[in-house]
């Protein structure tokens, strides 16, 4: 799977958020696309990365826009 650069950035930000780092904002359209792909989910605490999202980030599945 290849992610757009915006989706990849959102995924990286979600990973940083999970690690406890400060993240300014996550693009909602990108986060929703990640949710549809199973790479993120929306919880009461906001958007969170899924195990599949962690794997995709580690694989570096970044496309070009």
Protein backbone atom coordinates (compact mmCIF):
# COMPACT_ATOMS: atom_id res chain seq x y z
CA UNK A 1 0.00 0.00 0.00
CA UNK A 2 1.28 3.46 -0.83
CA UNK A 3 0.20 6.47 1.20
CA UNK A 4 0.08 10.06 0.05
CA UNK A 5 2.66 12.31 1.65
CA UNK A 6 -0.12 13.89 3.75
CA UNK A 7 -1.32 10.52 4.97
CA UNK A 8 2.24 9.46 5.76
CA UNK A 9 2.82 12.68 7.71
CA UNK A 10 -0.41 12.16 9.65
CA UNK A 11 0.62 8.58 10.41
CA UNK A 12 4.04 9.75 11.61
CA UNK A 13 2.36 12.38 13.79
CA UNK A 14 0.06 9.74 15.29
CA UNK A 15 3.10 7.62 16.07
CA UNK A 16 4.77 10.59 17.76
CA UNK A 17 1.55 11.26 19.69
CA UNK A 18 1.47 7.65 20.89
CA UNK A 19 5.08 8.03 22.09
CA UNK A 20 3.98 10.99 24.20
CA UNK A 21 5.43 13.71 22.00
CA UNK A 22 3.60 16.96 21.33
CA UNK A 23 1.81 17.01 17.97
CA UNK A 24 0.31 20.28 16.74
CA UNK A 25 -2.52 18.88 14.63
CA UNK A 26 -3.57 15.98 12.45
CA UNK A 27 -5.23 16.67 9.09
CA UNK A 28 -8.75 15.27 9.46
CA UNK A 29 -9.08 14.16 5.83
CA UNK A 30 -5.78 12.26 6.08
CA UNK A 31 -6.77 10.74 9.43
CA UNK A 32 -10.11 9.60 8.01
CA UNK A 33 -8.34 8.01 5.04
CA UNK A 34 -5.98 6.23 7.44
CA UNK A 35 -9.02 4.98 9.38
CA UNK A 36 -10.54 3.57 6.20
CA UNK A 37 -7.25 1.74 5.56
CA UNK A 38 -7.18 0.37 9.11
CA UNK A 39 -4.03 2.31 9.97
CA UNK A 40 -5.67 4.61 12.53
CA UNK A 41 -8.83 4.75 14.57
CA UNK A 42 -10.88 7.45 16.24
CA UNK A 43 -11.33 7.07 19.98
CA UNK A 44 -12.54 9.29 22.77
CA UNK A 45 -8.95 10.48 23.10
CA UNK A 46 -8.74 11.45 19.43
CA UNK A 47 -7.02 9.74 16.53
CA UNK A 48 -4.68 6.86 17.41
CA UNK A 49 -2.36 4.72 15.31
CA UNK A 50 -3.17 1.01 15.02
CA UNK A 51 -0.69 -1.87 14.95
CA UNK A 52 -1.15 -1.98 11.16
CA UNK A 53 -0.34 1.73 11.06
CA UNK A 54 2.87 1.16 12.99
CA UNK A 55 3.87 -1.52 10.48
CA UNK A 56 3.06 0.73 7.50
CA UNK A 57 5.10 3.54 9.02
CA UNK A 58 8.05 1.21 9.62
CA UNK A 59 7.80 0.01 6.01
CA UNK A 60 8.00 3.62 4.80
CA UNK A 61 5.07 3.24 2.40
CA UNK A 62 5.20 6.89 1.34
CA UNK A 63 4.10 7.85 -2.12
CA UNK A 64 4.46 11.13 -3.90
CA UNK A 65 1.74 13.67 -4.47
